[in-house]
Structures are given as structure tokens and as C-alpha cells.
Amino acid sequence: MKIIVLACIISAALHFVYFSLTFLKGYIITKAYVPDVGKDESVYMLQNEVAFGFVGNPFIFVYSFIALAFTCFTIQFVFQKLTRKGSFR
């Protein structure tokens, strides 16, 4: 049971790091963006070209959480069995 909880914590931490880095990257790109207003004459045209967010299946994050937790569990289980007695028993 302890391995399952640890695997879920590791999965949640890695997802948090992924979302934090994605947010940080978007923030930095947004802050560093300088529009080239002289190129286009219409402000209306510029507003239609900007899109924020993303479209996708929201359940993909649930699936990736479960898959990553299972992978962490498998790695921990195999490592624990190999280090306990030197081989599988």
C-alpha cells in the first residue's frame, strides 16, 4: 500500500512540475512579445489572429496520471524486489 501512495504522489508532483513549466513558458513568451504594429494597418485584423488556451480532451490528464502512477509503481516494485534479496523470490 505504501508503494501505491508513493507512486501517486510522484505522479502528482511530476504533473504539477509539467503544468508549472508550461504556465511559466507561456508567461515568459507573453511578457516578451512585442507586436509589429507598423506592418499591419488594421487593429481589428491583429485581434483576430491571437488565440489563448488550447483545445483537447481534458481526460488525457487523468489517463496520463494513472499511467505515470502505474509506471512509478512498477519501477518501485521491481527495484524493491531486486534490492531486498538480490533476486526475485
PDB file of N, CA and C in Angstrom:
ATOM      1  N   MET A   1       0.830  -1.205   0.000  1.00  0.00           N
ATOM      2  CA  MET A   1       0.000   0.000   0.000  1.00  0.00           C
ATOM      3  C   MET A   1       0.868   1.260   0.000  1.00  0.00           C
ATOM      4  N   LYS A   2       2.001   1.176   0.698  1.00  0.00           N
ATOM      5  CA  LYS A   2       2.880   2.328   0.771  1.00  0.00           C
ATOM      6  C   LYS A   2       3.450   2.673  -0.614  1.00  0.00           C
ATOM      7  N   ILE A   3       3.715   1.656  -1.416  1.00  0.00           N
ATOM      8  CA  ILE A   3       4.275   1.889  -2.751  1.00  0.00           C
ATOM      9  C   ILE A   3       3.240   2.568  -3.645  1.00  0.00           C
ATOM     10  N   ILE A   4       1.984   2.199  -3.515  1.00  0.00           N
ATOM     11  CA  ILE A   4       0.926   2.798  -4.338  1.00  0.00           C
ATOM     12  C   ILE A   4       0.764   4.283  -4.009  1.00  0.00           C
ATOM     13  N   VAL A   5       0.762   4.606  -2.733  1.00  0.00           N
ATOM     14  CA  VAL A   5       0.621   6.005  -2.320  1.00  0.00           C
ATOM     15  C   VAL A   5       1.820   6.825  -2.808  1.00  0.00           C
ATOM     16  N   LEU A   6       3.015   6.269  -2.654  1.00  0.00           N
ATOM     17  CA  LEU A   6       4.213   6.976  -3.118  1.00  0.00           C
ATOM     18  C   LEU A   6       4.194   7.169  -4.631  1.00  0.00           C
ATOM     19  N   ALA A   7       3.735   6.162  -5.369  1.00  0.00           N
ATOM     20  CA  ALA A   7       3.636   6.289  -6.825  1.00  0.00           C
ATOM     21  C   ALA A   7       2.650   7.387  -7.214  1.00  0.00           C
ATOM     22  N   CYS A   8       1.526   7.488  -6.519  1.00  0.00           N
ATOM     23  CA  CYS A   8       0.550   8.552  -6.803  1.00  0.00           C
ATOM     24  C   CYS A   8       1.108   9.928  -6.464  1.00  0.00           C
ATOM     25  N   ILE A   9       1.878  10.024  -5.378  1.00  0.00           N
ATOM     26  CA  ILE A   9       2.486  11.305  -5.006  1.00  0.00           C
ATOM     27  C   ILE A   9       3.517  11.730  -6.044  1.00  0.00           C
ATOM     28  N   ILE A  10       4.337  10.793  -6.499  1.00  0.00           N
ATOM     29  CA  ILE A  10       5.329  11.106  -7.526  1.00  0.00           C
ATOM     30  C   ILE A  10       4.647  11.536  -8.820  1.00  0.00           C
ATOM     31  N   SER A  11       3.580  10.831  -9.200  1.00  0.00           N
ATOM     32  CA  SER A  11       2.839  11.191 -10.410  1.00  0.00           C
ATOM     33  C   SER A  11       2.241  12.589 -10.301  1.00  0.00           C
ATOM     34  N   ALA A  12       1.651  12.900  -9.144  1.00  0.00           N
ATOM     35  CA  ALA A  12       1.067  14.230  -8.941  1.00  0.00           C
ATOM     36  C   ALA A  12       2.149  15.307  -8.975  1.00  0.00           C
ATOM     37  N   ALA A  13       3.301  15.025  -8.375  1.00  0.00           N
ATOM     38  CA  ALA A  13       4.387  16.002  -8.365  1.00  0.00           C
ATOM     39  C   ALA A  13       4.911  16.252  -9.775  1.00  0.00           C
ATOM     40  N   LEU A  14       5.071  15.196 -10.563  1.00  0.00           N
ATOM     41  CA  LEU A  14       5.550  15.379 -11.939  1.00  0.00           C
ATOM     42  C   LEU A  14       4.528  16.126 -12.794  1.00  0.00           C
ATOM     43  N   HIS A  15       3.236  15.876 -12.581  1.00  0.00           N
ATOM     44  CA  HIS A  15       2.213  16.628 -13.312  1.00  0.00           C
ATOM     45  C   HIS A  15       2.217  18.097 -12.888  1.00  0.00           C
ATOM     46  N   PHE A  16       2.420  18.358 -11.604  1.00  0.00           N
ATOM     47  CA  PHE A  16       2.494  19.735 -11.132  1.00  0.00           C
ATOM     48  C   PHE A  16       3.677  20.465 -11.766  1.00  0.00           C
ATOM     49  N   VAL A  17       4.826  19.806 -11.824  1.00  0.00           N
ATOM     50  CA  VAL A  17       6.004  20.400 -12.453  1.00  0.00           C
ATOM     51  C   VAL A  17       5.733  20.678 -13.934  1.00  0.00           C
ATOM     52  N   TYR A  18       5.095  19.728 -14.620  1.00  0.00           N
ATOM     53  CA  TYR A  18       4.777  19.914 -16.039  1.00  0.00           C
ATOM     54  C   TYR A  18       3.865  21.122 -16.247  1.00  0.00           C
ATOM     55  N   PHE A  19       2.786  21.225 -15.469  1.00  0.00           N
ATOM     56  CA  PHE A  19       1.865  22.353 -15.624  1.00  0.00           C
ATOM     57  C   PHE A  19       2.514  23.668 -15.230  1.00  0.00           C
ATOM     58  N   SER A  20       3.351  23.649 -14.210  1.00  0.00           N
ATOM     59  CA  SER A  20       4.040  24.872 -13.793  1.00  0.00           C
ATOM     60  C   SER A  20       4.995  25.368 -14.874  1.00  0.00           C
ATOM     61  N   LEU A  21       5.757  24.450 -15.462  1.00  0.00           N
ATOM     62  CA  LEU A  21       6.682  24.850 -16.520  1.00  0.00           C
ATOM     63  C   LEU A  21       5.942  25.329 -17.766  1.00  0.00           C
ATOM     64  N   THR A  22       4.820  24.695 -18.087  1.00  0.00           N
ATOM     65  CA  THR A  22       4.012  25.141 -19.224  1.00  0.00           C
ATOM     66  C   THR A  22       3.468  26.546 -18.982  1.00  0.00           C
ATOM     67  N   PHE A  23       2.970  26.785 -17.771  1.00  0.00           N
ATOM     68  CA  PHE A  23       2.466  28.114 -17.421  1.00  0.00           C
ATOM     69  C   PHE A  23       3.590  29.145 -17.459  1.00  0.00           C
ATOM     70  N   LEU A  24       4.758  28.798 -16.907  1.00  0.00           N
ATOM     71  CA  LEU A  24       5.889  29.712 -16.885  1.00  0.00           C
ATOM     72  C   LEU A  24       6.365  30.043 -18.295  1.00  0.00           C
ATOM     73  N   LYS A  25       6.406  29.040 -19.166  1.00  0.00           N
ATOM     74  CA  LYS A  25       6.804  29.276 -20.555  1.00  0.00           C
ATOM     75  C   LYS A  25       5.826  30.235 -21.244  1.00  0.00           C
ATOM     76  N   GLY A  26       4.528  30.019 -21.066  1.00  0.00           N
ATOM     77  CA  GLY A  26       3.527  30.909 -21.651  1.00  0.00           C
ATOM     78  C   GLY A  26       3.614  32.318 -21.107  1.00  0.00           C
ATOM     79  N   TYR A  27       3.887  32.429 -19.810  1.00  0.00           N
ATOM     80  CA  TYR A  27       4.016  33.751 -19.191  1.00  0.00           C
ATOM     81  C   TYR A  27       5.219  34.506 -19.752  1.00  0.00           C
ATOM     82  N   ILE A  28       6.343  33.809 -19.870  1.00  0.00           N
ATOM     83  CA  ILE A  28       7.553  34.449 -20.390  1.00  0.00           C
ATOM     84  C   ILE A  28       7.371  34.856 -21.852  1.00  0.00           C
ATOM     85  N   ILE A  29       6.780  33.984 -22.647  1.00  0.00           N
ATOM     86  CA  ILE A  29       6.545  34.313 -24.059  1.00  0.00           C
ATOM     87  C   ILE A  29       5.595  35.499 -24.186  1.00  0.00           C
ATOM     88  N   THR A  30       4.561  35.538 -23.333  1.00  0.00           N
ATOM     89  CA  THR A  30       3.605  36.644 -23.379  1.00  0.00           C
ATOM     90  C   THR A  30       4.257  37.954 -22.966  1.00  0.00           C
ATOM     91  N   LYS A  31       5.086  37.921 -21.920  1.00  0.00           N
ATOM     92  CA  LYS A  31       5.752  39.140 -21.464  1.00  0.00           C
ATOM     93  C   LYS A  31       6.786  39.640 -22.472  1.00  0.00           C
ATOM     94  N   ALA A  32       7.416  38.729 -23.197  1.00  0.00           N
ATOM     95  CA  ALA A  32       8.470  39.116 -24.136  1.00  0.00           C
ATOM     96  C   ALA A  32       7.926  39.486 -25.515  1.00  0.00           C
ATOM     97  N   TYR A  33       6.641  39.276 -25.760  1.00  0.00           N
ATOM     98  CA  TYR A  33       6.066  39.528 -27.076  1.00  0.00           C
ATOM     99  C   TYR A  33       5.973  41.026 -27.344  1.00  0.00           C
ATOM    100  N   VAL A  34       6.462  41.430 -28.494  1.00  0.00           N
ATOM    101  CA  VAL A  34       6.365  42.818 -28.938  1.00  0.00           C
ATOM    102  C   VAL A  34       5.706  42.790 -30.313  1.00  0.00           C
ATOM    103  N   PRO A  35       4.469  43.300 -30.408  1.00  0.00           N
ATOM    104  CA  PRO A  35       3.780  43.245 -31.705  1.00  0.00           C
ATOM    105  C   PRO A  35       4.392  44.214 -32.712  1.00  0.00           C
ATOM    106  N   ASP A  36       4.313  43.846 -33.954  1.00  0.00           N
ATOM    107  CA  ASP A  36       4.795  44.683 -35.040  1.00  0.00           C
ATOM    108  C   ASP A  36       3.587  45.404 -35.625  1.00  0.00           C
ATOM    109  N   VAL A  37       3.206  46.533 -35.008  1.00  0.00           N
ATOM    110  CA  VAL A  37       2.005  47.258 -35.392  1.00  0.00           C
ATOM    111  C   VAL A  37       2.176  47.954 -36.735  1.00  0.00           C
ATOM    112  N   GLY A  38       3.365  48.386 -37.084  1.00  0.00           N
ATOM    113  CA  GLY A  38       3.593  49.101 -38.329  1.00  0.00           C
ATOM    114  C   GLY A  38       3.382  48.226 -39.555  1.00  0.00           C
ATOM    115  N   LYS A  39       3.488  46.934 -39.411  1.00  0.00           N
ATOM    116  CA  LYS A  39       3.338  46.016 -40.533  1.00  0.00           C
ATOM    117  C   LYS A  39       1.880  45.936 -41.008  1.00  0.00           C
ATOM    118  N   ASP A  40       0.954  45.832 -40.061  1.00  0.00           N
ATOM    119  CA  ASP A  40      -0.474  45.763 -40.398  1.00  0.00           C
ATOM    120  C   ASP A  40      -1.128  47.099 -40.078  1.00  0.00           C
ATOM    121  N   GLU A  41      -2.076  47.464 -40.904  1.00  0.00           N
ATOM    122  CA  GLU A  41      -2.725  48.747 -40.707  1.00  0.00           C
ATOM    123  C   GLU A  41      -3.994  48.644 -39.889  1.00  0.00           C
ATOM    124  N   SER A  42      -4.536  47.461 -39.732  1.00  0.00           N
ATOM    125  CA  SER A  42      -5.814  47.299 -39.053  1.00  0.00           C
ATOM    126  C   SER A  42      -5.615  46.600 -37.701  1.00  0.00           C
ATOM    127  N   VAL A  43      -6.061  47.264 -36.642  1.00  0.00           N
ATOM    128  CA  VAL A  43      -6.001  46.661 -35.310  1.00  0.00           C
ATOM    129  C   VAL A  43      -6.997  45.506 -35.227  1.00  0.00           C
ATOM    130  N   TYR A  44      -8.104  45.620 -35.923  1.00  0.00           N
ATOM    131  CA  TYR A  44      -9.113  44.557 -35.936  1.00  0.00           C
ATOM    132  C   TYR A  44      -8.514  43.266 -36.474  1.00  0.00           C
ATOM    133  N   MET A  45      -7.680  43.363 -37.459  1.00  0.00           N
ATOM    134  CA  MET A  45      -7.055  42.185 -38.045  1.00  0.00           C
ATOM    135  C   MET A  45      -6.095  41.535 -37.052  1.00  0.00           C
ATOM    136  N   LEU A  46      -5.392  42.304 -36.253  1.00  0.00           N
ATOM    137  CA  LEU A  46      -4.472  41.762 -35.258  1.00  0.00           C
ATOM    138  C   LEU A  46      -5.220  41.026 -34.151  1.00  0.00           C
ATOM    139  N   GLN A  47      -6.353  41.549 -33.738  1.00  0.00           N
ATOM    140  CA  GLN A  47      -7.101  40.921 -32.651  1.00  0.00           C
ATOM    141  C   GLN A  47      -7.640  39.554 -33.057  1.00  0.00           C
ATOM    142  N   ASN A  48      -7.960  39.345 -34.302  1.00  0.00           N
ATOM    143  CA  ASN A  48      -8.482  38.056 -34.744  1.00  0.00           C
ATOM    144  C   ASN A  48      -7.402  36.981 -34.845  1.00  0.00           C
ATOM    145  N   GLU A  49      -6.146  37.359 -34.875  1.00  0.00           N
ATOM    146  CA  GLU A  49      -5.067  36.393 -35.039  1.00  0.00           C
ATOM    147  C   GLU A  49      -4.563  35.825 -33.722  1.00  0.00           C
ATOM    148  N   VAL A  50      -4.968  36.363 -32.584  1.00  0.00           N
ATOM    149  CA  VAL A  50      -4.471  35.922 -31.287  1.00  0.00           C
ATOM    150  C   VAL A  50      -5.450  34.932 -30.676  1.00  0.00           C
ATOM    151  N   ALA A  51      -4.926  33.802 -30.206  1.00  0.00           N
ATOM    152  CA  ALA A  51      -5.748  32.796 -29.536  1.00  0.00           C
ATOM    153  C   ALA A  51      -5.060  32.359 -28.257  1.00  0.00           C
ATOM    154  N   PHE A  52      -5.830  32.220 -27.193  1.00  0.00           N
ATOM    155  CA  PHE A  52      -5.296  31.780 -25.911  1.00  0.00           C
ATOM    156  C   PHE A  52      -5.943  30.462 -25.524  1.00  0.00           C
ATOM    157  N   GLY A  53      -5.185  29.647 -24.798  1.00  0.00           N
ATOM    158  CA  GLY A  53      -5.706  28.368 -24.337  1.00  0.00           C
ATOM    159  C   GLY A  53      -5.416  27.272 -25.336  1.00  0.00           C
ATOM    160  N   PHE A  54      -5.972  26.098 -25.055  1.00  0.00           N
ATOM    161  CA  PHE A  54      -5.819  25.010 -26.002  1.00  0.00           C
ATOM    162  C   PHE A  54      -7.060  24.138 -25.963  1.00  0.00           C
ATOM    163  N   VAL A  55      -7.292  23.441 -27.039  1.00  0.00           N
ATOM    164  CA  VAL A  55      -8.461  22.588 -27.158  1.00  0.00           C
ATOM    165  C   VAL A  55      -7.978  21.150 -27.162  1.00  0.00           C
ATOM    166  N   GLY A  56      -8.592  20.331 -26.370  1.00  0.00           N
ATOM    167  CA  GLY A  56      -8.208  18.939 -26.309  1.00  0.00           C
ATOM    168  C   GLY A  56      -9.094  18.184 -25.337  1.00  0.00           C
ATOM    169  N   ASN A  57      -8.824  16.910 -25.213  1.00  0.00           N
ATOM    170  CA  ASN A  57      -9.583  16.068 -24.306  1.00  0.00           C
ATOM    171  C   ASN A  57      -9.088  16.290 -22.881  1.00  0.00           C
ATOM    172  N   PRO A  58      -9.951  16.758 -21.965  1.00  0.00           N
ATOM    173  CA  PRO A  58      -9.493  17.007 -20.599  1.00  0.00           C
ATOM    174  C   PRO A  58      -9.176  15.722 -19.835  1.00  0.00           C
ATOM    175  N   PHE A  59      -9.689  14.598 -20.280  1.00  0.00           N
ATOM    176  CA  PHE A  59      -9.434  13.342 -19.586  1.00  0.00           C
ATOM    177  C   PHE A  59      -8.046  12.785 -19.877  1.00  0.00           C
ATOM    178  N   ILE A  60      -7.336  13.377 -20.829  1.00  0.00           N
ATOM    179  CA  ILE A  60      -5.993  12.908 -21.138  1.00  0.00           C
ATOM    180  C   ILE A  60      -5.085  13.073 -19.926  1.00  0.00           C
ATOM    181  N   PHE A  61      -5.340  14.088 -19.097  1.00  0.00           N
ATOM    182  CA  PHE A  61      -4.531  14.294 -17.903  1.00  0.00           C
ATOM    183  C   PHE A  61      -4.821  13.229 -16.849  1.00  0.00           C
ATOM    184  N   VAL A  62      -6.055  12.786 -16.763  1.00  0.00           N
ATOM    185  CA  VAL A  62      -6.402  11.697 -15.846  1.00  0.00           C
ATOM    186  C   VAL A  62      -5.723  10.413 -16.307  1.00  0.00           C
ATOM    187  N   TYR A  63      -5.784  10.149 -17.594  1.00  0.00           N
ATOM    188  CA  TYR A  63      -5.147   8.950 -18.135  1.00  0.00           C
ATOM    189  C   TYR A  63      -3.632   8.996 -17.947  1.00  0.00           C
ATOM    190  N   SER A  64      -3.028  10.151 -18.177  1.00  0.00           N
ATOM    191  CA  SER A  64      -1.576  10.260 -18.012  1.00  0.00           C
ATOM    192  C   SER A  64      -1.189  10.131 -16.542  1.00  0.00           C
ATOM    193  N   PHE A  65      -2.029  10.639 -15.631  1.00  0.00           N
ATOM    194  CA  PHE A  65      -1.771  10.487 -14.202  1.00  0.00           C
ATOM    195  C   PHE A  65      -1.770   9.017 -13.813  1.00  0.00           C
ATOM    196  N   ILE A  66      -2.776   8.284 -14.275  1.00  0.00           N
ATOM    197  CA  ILE A  66      -2.873   6.856 -13.953  1.00  0.00           C
ATOM    198  C   ILE A  66      -1.710   6.083 -14.574  1.00  0.00           C
ATOM    199  N   ALA A  67      -1.382   6.373 -15.820  1.00  0.00           N
ATOM    200  CA  ALA A  67      -0.284   5.676 -16.489  1.00  0.00           C
ATOM    201  C   ALA A  67       1.053   5.964 -15.804  1.00  0.00           C
ATOM    202  N   LEU A  68       1.282   7.204 -15.419  1.00  0.00           N
ATOM    203  CA  LEU A  68       2.535   7.555 -14.749  1.00  0.00           C
ATOM    204  C   LEU A  68       2.599   6.935 -13.358  1.00  0.00           C
ATOM    205  N   ALA A  69       1.479   6.904 -12.644  1.00  0.00           N
ATOM    206  CA  ALA A  69       1.449   6.268 -11.323  1.00  0.00           C
ATOM    207  C   ALA A  69       1.732   4.771 -11.450  1.00  0.00           C
ATOM    208  N   PHE A  70       1.168   4.136 -12.466  1.00  0.00           N
ATOM    209  CA  PHE A  70       1.423   2.710 -12.685  1.00  0.00           C
ATOM    210  C   PHE A  70       2.891   2.458 -13.037  1.00  0.00           C
ATOM    211  N   THR A  71       3.462   3.323 -13.853  1.00  0.00           N
ATOM    212  CA  THR A  71       4.875   3.192 -14.214  1.00  0.00           C
ATOM    213  C   THR A  71       5.770   3.367 -12.992  1.00  0.00           C
ATOM    214  N   CYS A  72       5.487   4.363 -12.169  1.00  0.00           N
ATOM    215  CA  CYS A  72       6.262   4.571 -10.945  1.00  0.00           C
ATOM    216  C   CYS A  72       6.119   3.384 -10.000  1.00  0.00           C
ATOM    217  N   PHE A  73       4.912   2.856  -9.884  1.00  0.00           N
ATOM    218  CA  PHE A  73       4.683   1.688  -9.044  1.00  0.00           C
ATOM    219  C   PHE A  73       5.494   0.495  -9.536  1.00  0.00           C
ATOM    220  N   THR A  74       5.488   0.254 -10.834  1.00  0.00           N
ATOM    221  CA  THR A  74       6.229  -0.876 -11.400  1.00  0.00           C
ATOM    222  C   THR A  74       7.724  -0.724 -11.156  1.00  0.00           C
ATOM    223  N   ILE A  75       8.258   0.461 -11.376  1.00  0.00           N
ATOM    224  CA  ILE A  75       9.683   0.696 -11.158  1.00  0.00           C
ATOM    225  C   ILE A  75      10.046   0.504  -9.687  1.00  0.00           C
ATOM    226  N   GLN A  76       9.233   1.032  -8.794  1.00  0.00           N
ATOM    227  CA  GLN A  76       9.499   0.883  -7.372  1.00  0.00           C
ATOM    228  C   GLN A  76       9.396  -0.574  -6.933  1.00  0.00           C
ATOM    229  N   PHE A  77       8.413  -1.281  -7.439  1.00  0.00           N
ATOM    230  CA  PHE A  77       8.214  -2.682  -7.072  1.00  0.00           C
ATOM    231  C   PHE A  77       9.399  -3.530  -7.523  1.00  0.00           C
ATOM    232  N   VAL A  78       9.826  -3.347  -8.759  1.00  0.00           N
ATOM    233  CA  VAL A  78      10.962  -4.114  -9.281  1.00  0.00           C
ATOM    234  C   VAL A  78      12.235  -3.753  -8.520  1.00  0.00           C
ATOM    235  N   PHE A  79      12.455  -2.473  -8.277  1.00  0.00           N
ATOM    236  CA  PHE A  79      13.641  -2.045  -7.541  1.00  0.00           C
ATOM    237  C   PHE A  79      13.641  -2.620  -6.128  1.00  0.00           C
ATOM    238  N   GLN A  80      12.483  -2.618  -5.487  1.00  0.00           N
ATOM    239  CA  GLN A  80      12.379  -3.157  -4.132  1.00  0.00           C
ATOM    240  C   GLN A  80      12.656  -4.660  -4.108  1.00  0.00           C
ATOM    241  N   LYS A  81      12.159  -5.388  -5.088  1.00  0.00           N
ATOM    242  CA  LYS A  81      12.395  -6.823  -5.132  1.00  0.00           C
ATOM    243  C   LYS A  81      13.856  -7.140  -5.431  1.00  0.00           C
ATOM    244  N   LEU A  82      14.491  -6.350  -6.298  1.00  0.00           N
ATOM    245  CA  LEU A  82      15.881  -6.596  -6.634  1.00  0.00           C
ATOM    246  C   LEU A  82      16.820  -6.263  -5.483  1.00  0.00           C
ATOM    247  N   THR A  83      16.515  -5.234  -4.720  1.00  0.00           N
ATOM    248  CA  THR A  83      17.411  -4.823  -3.636  1.00  0.00           C
ATOM    249  C   THR A  83      17.159  -5.589  -2.344  1.00  0.00           C
ATOM    250  N   ARG A  84      16.023  -6.207  -2.160  1.00  0.00           N
ATOM    251  CA  ARG A  84      15.715  -6.892  -0.903  1.00  0.00           C
ATOM    252  C   ARG A  84      16.526  -8.177  -0.746  1.00  0.00           C
ATOM    253  N   LYS A  85      16.479  -9.062  -1.722  1.00  0.00           N
ATOM    254  CA  LYS A  85      17.154 -10.338  -1.620  1.00  0.00           C
ATOM    255  C   LYS A  85      18.202 -10.558  -2.704  1.00  0.00           C
ATOM    256  N   GLY A  86      18.371  -9.608  -3.576  1.00  0.00           N
ATOM    257  CA  GLY A  86      19.316  -9.780  -4.638  1.00  0.00           C
ATOM    258  C   GLY A  86      18.715 -10.376  -5.902  1.00  0.00           C
ATOM    259  N   SER A  87      17.528 -10.946  -5.807  1.00  0.00           N
ATOM    260  CA  SER A  87      16.842 -11.500  -6.960  1.00  0.00           C
ATOM    261  C   SER A  87      15.372 -11.640  -6.642  1.00  0.00           C
ATOM    262  N   PHE A  88      14.570 -12.023  -7.629  1.00  0.00           N
ATOM    263  CA  PHE A  88      13.135 -12.218  -7.412  1.00  0.00           C
ATOM    264  C   PHE A  88      12.917 -13.523  -6.634  1.00  0.00           C
ATOM    265  N   ARG A  89      12.125 -13.474  -5.584  1.00  0.00           N
ATOM    266  CA  ARG A  89      11.744 -14.673  -4.819  1.00  0.00           C
ATOM    267  C   ARG A  89      10.330 -14.552  -4.374  1.00  0.00           C
TER     268      ARG A  89
END
